[in-house]
Amino acid sequence: MNQFIVDTKNLNFSYNRTKKDIENLELKVPKGSIYGFLGPNGSGKSTTIRLMLGLLKKRSGTVVLFGEIFNSKSRLKILDRVGALIENPSLYDHLTAVENLRIAANYRQNISFSRIDEVLEIVNLKHANNKKIKEYSLGMKQRLGLAISLLSNPELIILDEPTNGLDPKGIIEMRTLIKDLNKKYGTTIFISSHLLSEIERTCTHVGIIRDGKMLYQDTVASLKESKGTNIKFDIEVDKSIEALSVLKNLKMKNASLLDNFVQIEVKNKEEITEVIDVLRAKKINIYQVTIKNNLEELFLSLTEN
């Protein structure tokens, strides 16, 4: 039986009386997982995080963290075991990384200066520890924000859109860091995002939310399997109409046309090779073959009305 670090039951919340923003939400985050909380913008992800942290007052339901009901009596004790990076970190631009961390440490109990060095090492900022924050890139600021959340050596880290606004290099750095934290220290990590590709690359588990309701919750592997085994791909050719005719003569029922692309669905990758060979034999030039992300299609089918 899985031990859940986060376990909500029938969680409800409304900003006004006319609409339920979170409805009967049952969120289950296994211990040691990297859990991706996925949904379109405005689906309720940030609201759920604020309910988990006690920043909003729930209308009904329960929030259980580390097996203990989260309420006004247990809040401070539980939050000692949680680190959070919500949106962009609040940093003092005129100070250095070390100075920012020392200020943050003063708000926490029993944080040694040696821990500051440790978290800078973890987030790969030791080389820039005495540089002013105004000289940091956005990716470096995000990592420093993560370092602040790591000061108390939390068992659970909550990240709200941690790659938002980052360039490709910053996204890769954050993704690597998240995986390392989970693997090396066994930290459970909860990531809210609207980017399916990042959840797919980073997470072990996923929950998909829309309009405050949980639509799907399981492992990422199970989500992929739920779409089935067929592979959809696009082929860019110079004679698209002729290519479509050739493929339909091969009894390929799922072939269709979009501009100069032939869209087709096959059972396995070996059939992709067969399609290419047939088109080349007919003197049809192939410029590119793109395998489509079936997981992305499933996400869209779940989250679009």
C-alpha atoms as a PDB file:
ATOM      1  CA  MET A   1       0.000   0.000   0.000  1.00  0.00           C
ATOM      2  CA  ASN A   2       1.362   3.416  -0.967  1.00  0.00           C
ATOM      3  CA  GLN A   3       2.103   5.945   1.744  1.00  0.00           C
ATOM      4  CA  PHE A   4       0.781   9.318   0.664  1.00  0.00           C
ATOM      5  CA  ILE A   5       2.654  12.471   1.612  1.00  0.00           C
ATOM      6  CA  VAL A   6      -0.334  14.526   0.428  1.00  0.00           C
ATOM      7  CA  ASP A   7      -3.856  13.149   0.683  1.00  0.00           C
ATOM      8  CA  THR A   8      -6.883  15.394   0.212  1.00  0.00           C
ATOM      9  CA  LYS A   9     -10.457  14.189   0.532  1.00  0.00           C
ATOM     10  CA  ASN A  10     -13.527  15.927  -0.922  1.00  0.00           C
ATOM     11  CA  LEU A  11     -11.695  19.250  -1.006  1.00  0.00           C
ATOM     12  CA  ASN A  12     -13.941  22.152  -1.989  1.00  0.00           C
ATOM     13  CA  PHE A  13     -13.278  25.858  -2.369  1.00  0.00           C
ATOM     14  CA  SER A  14     -14.997  28.851  -3.971  1.00  0.00           C
ATOM     15  CA  TYR A  15     -13.892  32.419  -4.469  1.00  0.00           C
ATOM     16  CA  ASN A  16     -17.565  33.359  -4.801  1.00  0.00           C
ATOM     17  CA  ARG A  17     -20.971  31.752  -4.402  1.00  0.00           C
ATOM     18  CA  THR A  18     -21.709  31.289  -8.090  1.00  0.00           C
ATOM     19  CA  LYS A  19     -18.911  28.858  -8.965  1.00  0.00           C
ATOM     20  CA  LYS A  20     -16.948  26.036  -7.371  1.00  0.00           C
ATOM     21  CA  ASP A  21     -13.272  26.646  -8.104  1.00  0.00           C
ATOM     22  CA  ILE A  22     -12.175  23.365  -6.485  1.00  0.00           C
ATOM     23  CA  GLU A  23     -14.724  20.556  -6.412  1.00  0.00           C
ATOM     24  CA  ASN A  24     -14.411  17.316  -4.400  1.00  0.00           C
ATOM     25  CA  LEU A  25     -10.701  17.151  -5.163  1.00  0.00           C
ATOM     26  CA  GLU A  26      -8.916  13.983  -4.077  1.00  0.00           C
ATOM     27  CA  LEU A  27      -5.208  14.490  -4.507  1.00  0.00           C
ATOM     28  CA  LYS A  28      -2.874  11.613  -3.620  1.00  0.00           C
ATOM     29  CA  VAL A  29       0.886  12.174  -3.788  1.00  0.00           C
ATOM     30  CA  PRO A  30       2.949   9.027  -3.023  1.00  0.00           C
ATOM     31  CA  LYS A  31       5.996   9.326  -0.793  1.00  0.00           C
ATOM     32  CA  GLY A  32       9.219   9.555  -2.834  1.00  0.00           C
ATOM     33  CA  SER A  33       7.438  10.499  -6.065  1.00  0.00           C
ATOM     34  CA  ILE A  34       7.836  13.409  -8.439  1.00  0.00           C
ATOM     35  CA  TYR A  35       4.175  14.305  -8.860  1.00  0.00           C
ATOM     36  CA  GLY A  36       3.124  16.479 -11.777  1.00  0.00           C
ATOM     37  CA  PHE A  37      -0.054  18.487 -11.232  1.00  0.00           C
ATOM     38  CA  LEU A  38      -1.141  19.250 -14.753  1.00  0.00           C
ATOM     39  CA  GLY A  39      -3.871  21.388 -16.220  1.00  0.00           C
ATOM     40  CA  PRO A  40      -4.639  24.404 -18.427  1.00  0.00           C
ATOM     41  CA  ASN A  41      -4.157  27.905 -17.064  1.00  0.00           C
ATOM     42  CA  GLY A  42      -7.033  28.749 -14.733  1.00  0.00           C
ATOM     43  CA  SER A  43      -7.865  25.102 -13.969  1.00  0.00           C
ATOM     44  CA  GLY A  44      -7.273  25.437 -10.207  1.00  0.00           C
ATOM     45  CA  LYS A  45      -3.651  24.334  -9.791  1.00  0.00           C
ATOM     46  CA  SER A  46      -2.395  27.376  -7.860  1.00  0.00           C
ATOM     47  CA  THR A  47      -5.584  27.489  -5.782  1.00  0.00           C
ATOM     48  CA  THR A  48      -5.038  23.857  -4.772  1.00  0.00           C
ATOM     49  CA  ILE A  49      -1.470  24.617  -3.689  1.00  0.00           C
ATOM     50  CA  ARG A  50      -2.660  27.541  -1.560  1.00  0.00           C
ATOM     51  CA  LEU A  51      -5.225  25.256   0.084  1.00  0.00           C
ATOM     52  CA  MET A  52      -2.502  22.675   0.765  1.00  0.00           C
ATOM     53  CA  LEU A  53      -0.342  25.317   2.447  1.00  0.00           C
ATOM     54  CA  GLY A  54      -3.160  26.898   4.408  1.00  0.00           C
ATOM     55  CA  LEU A  55      -2.965  30.167   2.471  1.00  0.00           C
ATOM     56  CA  LEU A  56      -6.651  29.840   1.594  1.00  0.00           C
ATOM     57  CA  LYS A  57      -9.445  28.568   3.819  1.00  0.00           C
ATOM     58  CA  LYS A  58     -11.182  25.534   2.367  1.00  0.00           C
ATOM     59  CA  ARG A  59     -14.950  25.398   2.174  1.00  0.00           C
ATOM     60  CA  SER A  60     -15.091  21.709   3.080  1.00  0.00           C
ATOM     61  CA  GLY A  61     -13.027  18.518   2.980  1.00  0.00           C
ATOM     62  CA  THR A  62      -9.709  17.566   4.548  1.00  0.00           C
ATOM     63  CA  VAL A  63      -6.023  18.037   3.739  1.00  0.00           C
ATOM     64  CA  VAL A  64      -3.683  15.420   5.175  1.00  0.00           C
ATOM     65  CA  LEU A  65       0.097  15.937   5.005  1.00  0.00           C
ATOM     66  CA  PHE A  66       2.525  13.284   6.272  1.00  0.00           C
ATOM     67  CA  GLY A  67      -0.438  11.335   7.657  1.00  0.00           C
ATOM     68  CA  GLU A  68      -1.609  14.258   9.839  1.00  0.00           C
ATOM     69  CA  ILE A  69      -4.694  16.414   9.297  1.00  0.00           C
ATOM     70  CA  PHE A  70      -3.651  19.926   8.310  1.00  0.00           C
ATOM     71  CA  ASN A  71      -5.403  22.538  10.473  1.00  0.00           C
ATOM     72  CA  SER A  72      -4.636  25.626  12.540  1.00  0.00           C
ATOM     73  CA  LYS A  73      -3.157  23.528  15.355  1.00  0.00           C
ATOM     74  CA  SER A  74      -0.885  21.362  13.209  1.00  0.00           C
ATOM     75  CA  ARG A  75      -0.042  23.930  10.517  1.00  0.00           C
ATOM     76  CA  LEU A  76       3.320  25.216  11.793  1.00  0.00           C
ATOM     77  CA  LYS A  77       4.549  21.760  12.764  1.00  0.00           C
ATOM     78  CA  ILE A  78       3.676  20.345   9.332  1.00  0.00           C
ATOM     79  CA  LEU A  79       5.043  23.298   7.355  1.00  0.00           C
ATOM     80  CA  ASP A  80       8.456  22.753   9.002  1.00  0.00           C
ATOM     81  CA  ARG A  81       8.637  19.648   6.802  1.00  0.00           C
ATOM     82  CA  VAL A  82       7.585  21.463   3.593  1.00  0.00           C
ATOM     83  CA  GLY A  83       9.526  23.700   1.205  1.00  0.00           C
ATOM     84  CA  ALA A  84       7.706  25.768  -1.405  1.00  0.00           C
ATOM     85  CA  LEU A  85       8.526  27.929  -4.407  1.00  0.00           C
ATOM     86  CA  ILE A  86       5.343  29.694  -5.484  1.00  0.00           C
ATOM     87  CA  GLU A  87       5.690  31.589  -8.766  1.00  0.00           C
ATOM     88  CA  ASN A  88       8.800  33.826  -8.820  1.00  0.00           C
ATOM     89  CA  PRO A  89      10.913  33.904  -5.621  1.00  0.00           C
ATOM     90  CA  SER A  90      10.993  37.116  -3.552  1.00  0.00           C
ATOM     91  CA  LEU A  91      14.656  38.141  -3.518  1.00  0.00           C
ATOM     92  CA  TYR A  92      16.643  41.219  -2.558  1.00  0.00           C
ATOM     93  CA  ASP A  93      18.316  42.228  -5.825  1.00  0.00           C
ATOM     94  CA  HIS A  94      20.926  44.466  -4.168  1.00  0.00           C
ATOM     95  CA  LEU A  95      22.176  41.600  -1.959  1.00  0.00           C
ATOM     96  CA  THR A  96      24.183  38.468  -2.735  1.00  0.00           C
ATOM     97  CA  ALA A  97      22.893  34.888  -2.747  1.00  0.00           C
ATOM     98  CA  VAL A  98      24.507  34.215   0.641  1.00  0.00           C
ATOM     99  CA  GLU A  99      22.949  37.339   2.135  1.00  0.00           C
ATOM    100  CA  ASN A 100      19.514  36.396   0.804  1.00  0.00           C
ATOM    101  CA  LEU A 101      19.842  32.917   2.275  1.00  0.00           C
ATOM    102  CA  ARG A 102      20.945  34.275   5.648  1.00  0.00           C
ATOM    103  CA  ILE A 103      17.867  36.512   5.801  1.00  0.00           C
ATOM    104  CA  ALA A 104      15.653  33.544   4.909  1.00  0.00           C
ATOM    105  CA  ALA A 105      17.429  31.379   7.523  1.00  0.00           C
ATOM    106  CA  ASN A 106      16.678  33.955  10.227  1.00  0.00           C
ATOM    107  CA  TYR A 107      12.957  33.323   9.717  1.00  0.00           C
ATOM    108  CA  ARG A 108      13.450  29.626  10.324  1.00  0.00           C
ATOM    109  CA  GLN A 109      14.601  27.733  13.377  1.00  0.00           C
ATOM    110  CA  ASN A 110      17.990  26.083  13.820  1.00  0.00           C
ATOM    111  CA  ILE A 111      19.395  26.782  10.332  1.00  0.00           C
ATOM    112  CA  SER A 112      23.205  26.797  10.429  1.00  0.00           C
ATOM    113  CA  PHE A 113      25.424  28.791   8.100  1.00  0.00           C
ATOM    114  CA  SER A 114      26.880  25.474   6.917  1.00  0.00           C
ATOM    115  CA  ARG A 115      23.413  24.602   5.594  1.00  0.00           C
ATOM    116  CA  ILE A 116      23.546  27.733   3.424  1.00  0.00           C
ATOM    117  CA  ASP A 117      26.700  26.390   1.760  1.00  0.00           C
ATOM    118  CA  GLU A 118      25.035  22.997   1.328  1.00  0.00           C
ATOM    119  CA  VAL A 119      21.935  24.320  -0.454  1.00  0.00           C
ATOM    120  CA  LEU A 120      24.041  26.530  -2.728  1.00  0.00           C
ATOM    121  CA  GLU A 121      25.996  23.417  -3.684  1.00  0.00           C
ATOM    122  CA  ILE A 122      22.797  21.455  -4.304  1.00  0.00           C
ATOM    123  CA  VAL A 123      21.389  24.074  -6.709  1.00  0.00           C
ATOM    124  CA  ASN A 124      24.769  24.635  -8.408  1.00  0.00           C
ATOM    125  CA  LEU A 125      25.169  28.267  -7.355  1.00  0.00           C
ATOM    126  CA  LYS A 126      28.288  27.985  -5.211  1.00  0.00           C
ATOM    127  CA  HIS A 127      30.296  29.718  -7.941  1.00  0.00           C
ATOM    128  CA  ALA A 128      27.964  32.733  -7.810  1.00  0.00           C
ATOM    129  CA  ASN A 129      27.330  32.880  -4.059  1.00  0.00           C
ATOM    130  CA  ASN A 130      28.763  36.404  -3.658  1.00  0.00           C
ATOM    131  CA  LYS A 131      27.281  37.854  -6.844  1.00  0.00           C
ATOM    132  CA  LYS A 132      24.478  40.405  -6.523  1.00  0.00           C
ATOM    133  CA  ILE A 133      21.072  38.992  -7.426  1.00  0.00           C
ATOM    134  CA  LYS A 134      20.489  41.769  -9.968  1.00  0.00           C
ATOM    135  CA  GLU A 135      23.267  40.109 -12.001  1.00  0.00           C
ATOM    136  CA  TYR A 136      21.538  36.723 -11.928  1.00  0.00           C
ATOM    137  CA  SER A 137      19.646  35.252 -14.875  1.00  0.00           C
ATOM    138  CA  LEU A 138      16.018  34.245 -14.348  1.00  0.00           C
ATOM    139  CA  GLY A 139      17.083  30.594 -14.180  1.00  0.00           C
ATOM    140  CA  MET A 140      19.629  31.372 -11.457  1.00  0.00           C
ATOM    141  CA  LYS A 141      16.981  33.272  -9.497  1.00  0.00           C
ATOM    142  CA  GLN A 142      14.647  30.289  -9.714  1.00  0.00           C
ATOM    143  CA  ARG A 143      17.405  28.002  -8.425  1.00  0.00           C
ATOM    144  CA  LEU A 144      18.147  30.399  -5.579  1.00  0.00           C
ATOM    145  CA  GLY A 145      14.434  30.396  -4.727  1.00  0.00           C
ATOM    146  CA  LEU A 146      14.612  26.619  -4.638  1.00  0.00           C
ATOM    147  CA  ALA A 147      17.707  26.829  -2.396  1.00  0.00           C
ATOM    148  CA  ILE A 148      15.705  28.944   0.061  1.00  0.00           C
ATOM    149  CA  SER A 149      12.959  26.312   0.120  1.00  0.00           C
ATOM    150  CA  LEU A 150      15.614  23.652   0.861  1.00  0.00           C
ATOM    151  CA  LEU A 151      17.064  25.392   3.937  1.00  0.00           C
ATOM    152  CA  SER A 152      15.023  23.361   6.422  1.00  0.00           C
ATOM    153  CA  ASN A 153      15.802  20.082   4.595  1.00  0.00           C
ATOM    154  CA  PRO A 154      12.118  19.471   3.772  1.00  0.00           C
ATOM    155  CA  GLU A 155      10.592  16.087   3.023  1.00  0.00           C
ATOM    156  CA  LEU A 156       8.160  17.653   0.528  1.00  0.00           C
ATOM    157  CA  ILE A 157       8.881  20.444  -1.958  1.00  0.00           C
ATOM    158  CA  ILE A 158       6.018  22.209  -3.734  1.00  0.00           C
ATOM    159  CA  LEU A 159       6.879  24.026  -6.971  1.00  0.00           C
ATOM    160  CA  ASP A 160       4.350  26.180  -8.821  1.00  0.00           C
ATOM    161  CA  GLU A 161       5.302  26.532 -12.509  1.00  0.00           C
ATOM    162  CA  PRO A 162       9.078  26.264 -11.781  1.00  0.00           C
ATOM    163  CA  THR A 163      10.111  26.571 -15.456  1.00  0.00           C
ATOM    164  CA  ASN A 164       7.755  29.436 -16.325  1.00  0.00           C
ATOM    165  CA  GLY A 165       9.623  32.086 -18.338  1.00  0.00           C
ATOM    166  CA  LEU A 166      12.893  30.160 -18.452  1.00  0.00           C
ATOM    167  CA  ASP A 167      14.922  29.721 -21.622  1.00  0.00           C
ATOM    168  CA  PRO A 168      15.732  26.146 -22.819  1.00  0.00           C
ATOM    169  CA  LYS A 169      18.993  26.067 -20.822  1.00  0.00           C
ATOM    170  CA  GLY A 170      17.203  27.167 -17.649  1.00  0.00           C
ATOM    171  CA  ILE A 171      14.459  24.565 -18.178  1.00  0.00           C
ATOM    172  CA  ILE A 172      17.002  21.751 -18.539  1.00  0.00           C
ATOM    173  CA  GLU A 173      18.886  22.928 -15.432  1.00  0.00           C
ATOM    174  CA  MET A 174      15.696  23.006 -13.356  1.00  0.00           C
ATOM    175  CA  ARG A 175      14.579  19.600 -14.661  1.00  0.00           C
ATOM    176  CA  THR A 176      17.959  18.032 -13.802  1.00  0.00           C
ATOM    177  CA  LEU A 177      17.941  19.612 -10.360  1.00  0.00           C
ATOM    178  CA  ILE A 178      14.457  18.299  -9.562  1.00  0.00           C
ATOM    179  CA  LYS A 179      15.409  14.767 -10.574  1.00  0.00           C
ATOM    180  CA  ASP A 180      18.644  14.920  -8.551  1.00  0.00           C
ATOM    181  CA  LEU A 181      16.816  16.117  -5.430  1.00  0.00           C
ATOM    182  CA  ASN A 182      14.405  13.218  -5.706  1.00  0.00           C
ATOM    183  CA  LYS A 183      17.048  10.580  -6.468  1.00  0.00           C
ATOM    184  CA  LYS A 184      19.833  11.640  -4.075  1.00  0.00           C
ATOM    185  CA  TYR A 185      17.773  12.783  -1.101  1.00  0.00           C
ATOM    186  CA  GLY A 186      14.489  10.930  -1.536  1.00  0.00           C
ATOM    187  CA  THR A 187      12.599  14.231  -1.489  1.00  0.00           C
ATOM    188  CA  THR A 188       8.983  14.070  -2.619  1.00  0.00           C
ATOM    189  CA  ILE A 189       8.410  16.818  -5.187  1.00  0.00           C
ATOM    190  CA  PHE A 190       5.054  18.250  -6.237  1.00  0.00           C
ATOM    191  CA  ILE A 191       5.180  20.250  -9.480  1.00  0.00           C
ATOM    192  CA  SER A 192       2.309  22.328 -10.790  1.00  0.00           C
ATOM    193  CA  SER A 193       2.561  22.998 -14.527  1.00  0.00           C
ATOM    194  CA  HIS A 194       0.603  23.494 -17.742  1.00  0.00           C
ATOM    195  CA  LEU A 195       3.505  22.074 -19.790  1.00  0.00           C
ATOM    196  CA  LEU A 196       2.841  18.430 -20.608  1.00  0.00           C
ATOM    197  CA  SER A 197       6.308  17.914 -22.112  1.00  0.00           C
ATOM    198  CA  GLU A 198       8.029  18.869 -18.845  1.00  0.00           C
ATOM    199  CA  ILE A 199       5.740  16.680 -16.737  1.00  0.00           C
ATOM    200  CA  GLU A 200       6.372  13.765 -19.091  1.00  0.00           C
ATOM    201  CA  ARG A 201      10.158  14.203 -18.902  1.00  0.00           C
ATOM    202  CA  THR A 202      10.370  14.887 -15.184  1.00  0.00           C
ATOM    203  CA  CYS A 203       7.610  13.181 -13.222  1.00  0.00           C
ATOM    204  CA  THR A 204       6.788   9.667 -12.045  1.00  0.00           C
ATOM    205  CA  HIS A 205       3.135  10.422 -11.260  1.00  0.00           C
ATOM    206  CA  VAL A 206       0.578  12.804 -12.687  1.00  0.00           C
ATOM    207  CA  GLY A 207      -2.762  14.325 -11.785  1.00  0.00           C
ATOM    208  CA  ILE A 208      -4.755  16.153 -14.476  1.00  0.00           C
ATOM    209  CA  ILE A 209      -7.179  18.853 -13.354  1.00  0.00           C
ATOM    210  CA  ARG A 210      -9.762  20.921 -15.241  1.00  0.00           C
ATOM    211  CA  ASP A 211     -12.252  23.413 -13.785  1.00  0.00           C
ATOM    212  CA  GLY A 212     -11.236  22.377 -10.277  1.00  0.00           C
ATOM    213  CA  LYS A 213     -11.999  18.674 -10.843  1.00  0.00           C
ATOM    214  CA  MET A 214      -9.511  15.808 -10.977  1.00  0.00           C
ATOM    215  CA  LEU A 215      -9.827  14.072 -14.355  1.00  0.00           C
ATOM    216  CA  TYR A 216      -6.980  11.571 -14.131  1.00  0.00           C
ATOM    217  CA  GLN A 217      -4.501  10.451 -11.472  1.00  0.00           C
ATOM    218  CA  ASP A 218      -1.928   7.667 -11.816  1.00  0.00           C
ATOM    219  CA  THR A 219       1.656   7.041 -12.878  1.00  0.00           C
ATOM    220  CA  VAL A 220       2.981   8.712 -16.021  1.00  0.00           C
ATOM    221  CA  ALA A 221       3.617   5.225 -17.441  1.00  0.00           C
ATOM    222  CA  SER A 222      -0.051   4.286 -16.942  1.00  0.00           C
ATOM    223  CA  LEU A 223      -1.150   7.505 -18.622  1.00  0.00           C
ATOM    224  CA  LYS A 224       0.903   6.646 -21.685  1.00  0.00           C
ATOM    225  CA  GLU A 225      -0.490   3.121 -21.790  1.00  0.00           C
ATOM    226  CA  SER A 226      -4.066   4.358 -21.502  1.00  0.00           C
ATOM    227  CA  LYS A 227      -3.743   5.964 -24.926  1.00  0.00           C
ATOM    228  CA  GLY A 228      -3.041   2.607 -26.568  1.00  0.00           C
ATOM    229  CA  THR A 229      -0.118   1.437 -28.675  1.00  0.00           C
ATOM    230  CA  ASN A 230      -0.839   2.988 -32.060  1.00  0.00           C
ATOM    231  CA  ILE A 231       1.635   5.563 -33.369  1.00  0.00           C
ATOM    232  CA  LYS A 232       0.555   8.674 -35.266  1.00  0.00           C
ATOM    233  CA  PHE A 233       3.033  10.466 -37.498  1.00  0.00           C
ATOM    234  CA  ASP A 234       3.258  13.097 -40.246  1.00  0.00           C
ATOM    235  CA  ILE A 235       5.243  12.782 -43.476  1.00  0.00           C
ATOM    236  CA  GLU A 236       6.126  15.863 -45.513  1.00  0.00           C
ATOM    237  CA  VAL A 237       6.296  14.971 -49.219  1.00  0.00           C
ATOM    238  CA  ASP A 238       6.463  16.749 -52.571  1.00  0.00           C
ATOM    239  CA  LYS A 239       3.423  14.935 -54.042  1.00  0.00           C
ATOM    240  CA  SER A 240       0.943  14.797 -51.184  1.00  0.00           C
ATOM    241  CA  ILE A 241      -2.160  13.808 -53.188  1.00  0.00           C
ATOM    242  CA  GLU A 242      -0.282  11.000 -54.936  1.00  0.00           C
ATOM    243  CA  ALA A 243       1.200   9.845 -51.643  1.00  0.00           C
ATOM    244  CA  LEU A 244      -2.248   9.684 -50.029  1.00  0.00           C
ATOM    245  CA  SER A 245      -3.569   7.657 -52.946  1.00  0.00           C
ATOM    246  CA  VAL A 246      -0.667   5.202 -52.660  1.00  0.00           C
ATOM    247  CA  LEU A 247      -1.258   4.710 -48.936  1.00  0.00           C
ATOM    248  CA  LYS A 248      -4.999   4.209 -49.338  1.00  0.00           C
ATOM    249  CA  ASN A 249      -4.280   1.549 -51.957  1.00  0.00           C
ATOM    250  CA  LEU A 250      -2.296  -0.196 -49.213  1.00  0.00           C
ATOM    251  CA  LYS A 251      -5.536  -0.345 -47.193  1.00  0.00           C
ATOM    252  CA  MET A 252      -4.269   2.184 -44.665  1.00  0.00           C
ATOM    253  CA  LYS A 253      -7.581   3.560 -43.449  1.00  0.00           C
ATOM    254  CA  ASN A 254      -6.191   6.233 -41.116  1.00  0.00           C
ATOM    255  CA  ALA A 255      -4.302   8.207 -43.772  1.00  0.00           C
ATOM    256  CA  SER A 256      -5.327  11.835 -44.294  1.00  0.00           C
ATOM    257  CA  LEU A 257      -3.974  15.028 -45.798  1.00  0.00           C
ATOM    258  CA  LEU A 258      -2.992  18.377 -44.280  1.00  0.00           C
ATOM    259  CA  ASP A 259      -1.204  20.806 -46.624  1.00  0.00           C
ATOM    260  CA  ASN A 260       1.921  18.954 -47.837  1.00  0.00           C
ATOM    261  CA  PHE A 261       1.778  16.511 -44.938  1.00  0.00           C
ATOM    262  CA  VAL A 262       0.307  13.034 -45.018  1.00  0.00           C
ATOM    263  CA  GLN A 263      -0.980  12.088 -41.569  1.00  0.00           C
ATOM    264  CA  ILE A 264      -1.094   8.405 -40.789  1.00  0.00           C
ATOM    265  CA  GLU A 265      -1.514   5.974 -37.896  1.00  0.00           C
ATOM    266  CA  VAL A 266       0.286   2.622 -37.640  1.00  0.00           C
ATOM    267  CA  LYS A 267       0.629  -0.122 -35.035  1.00  0.00           C
ATOM    268  CA  ASN A 268       4.403  -0.014 -34.567  1.00  0.00           C
ATOM    269  CA  LYS A 269       7.596   1.729 -35.721  1.00  0.00           C
ATOM    270  CA  GLU A 270       8.396  -1.034 -38.211  1.00  0.00           C
ATOM    271  CA  GLU A 271       5.343  -0.007 -40.231  1.00  0.00           C
ATOM    272  CA  ILE A 272       6.741   3.537 -40.498  1.00  0.00           C
ATOM    273  CA  THR A 273       9.745   2.110 -42.362  1.00  0.00           C
ATOM    274  CA  GLU A 274       7.420   0.185 -44.694  1.00  0.00           C
ATOM    275  CA  VAL A 275       5.436   3.349 -45.496  1.00  0.00           C
ATOM    276  CA  ILE A 276       8.615   5.264 -46.324  1.00  0.00           C
ATOM    277  CA  ASP A 277       9.899   2.447 -48.566  1.00  0.00           C
ATOM    278  CA  VAL A 278       6.608   2.313 -50.508  1.00  0.00           C
ATOM    279  CA  LEU A 279       6.562   6.084 -51.104  1.00  0.00           C
ATOM    280  CA  ARG A 280      10.182   6.149 -52.238  1.00  0.00           C
ATOM    281  CA  ALA A 281       9.496   3.276 -54.655  1.00  0.00           C
ATOM    282  CA  LYS A 282       6.832   5.511 -56.228  1.00  0.00           C
ATOM    283  CA  LYS A 283       9.438   8.313 -56.676  1.00  0.00           C
ATOM    284  CA  ILE A 284       7.801  10.491 -54.033  1.00  0.00           C
ATOM    285  CA  ASN A 285      10.327  12.668 -52.222  1.00  0.00           C
ATOM    286  CA  ILE A 286      10.162  12.633 -48.401  1.00  0.00           C
ATOM    287  CA  TYR A 287      11.430  15.717 -46.578  1.00  0.00           C
ATOM    288  CA  GLN A 288      10.676  14.853 -42.975  1.00  0.00           C
ATOM    289  CA  VAL A 289       8.882  12.354 -40.738  1.00  0.00           C
ATOM    290  CA  THR A 290       7.507  13.533 -37.390  1.00  0.00           C
ATOM    291  CA  ILE A 291       6.125  11.148 -34.785  1.00  0.00           C
ATOM    292  CA  LYS A 292       3.305  12.897 -32.913  1.00  0.00           C
ATOM    293  CA  ASN A 293       3.046  12.978 -29.128  1.00  0.00           C
ATOM    294  CA  ASN A 294       0.100  10.696 -28.384  1.00  0.00           C
ATOM    295  CA  LEU A 295       0.227  11.704 -24.724  1.00  0.00           C
ATOM    296  CA  GLU A 296      -0.336  15.302 -25.764  1.00  0.00           C
ATOM    297  CA  GLU A 297      -3.476  14.304 -27.666  1.00  0.00           C
ATOM    298  CA  LEU A 298      -4.795  12.475 -24.615  1.00  0.00           C
ATOM    299  CA  PHE A 299      -4.153  15.524 -22.428  1.00  0.00           C
ATOM    300  CA  LEU A 300      -5.998  17.757 -24.881  1.00  0.00           C
ATOM    301  CA  SER A 301      -8.916  15.350 -25.085  1.00  0.00           C
ATOM    302  CA  LEU A 302      -9.216  15.389 -21.296  1.00  0.00           C
ATOM    303  CA  THR A 303      -8.812  19.113 -20.744  1.00  0.00           C
ATOM    304  CA  GLU A 304     -10.703  20.590 -23.707  1.00  0.00           C
ATOM    305  CA  ASN A 305     -14.454  20.820 -23.599  1.00  0.00           C
END
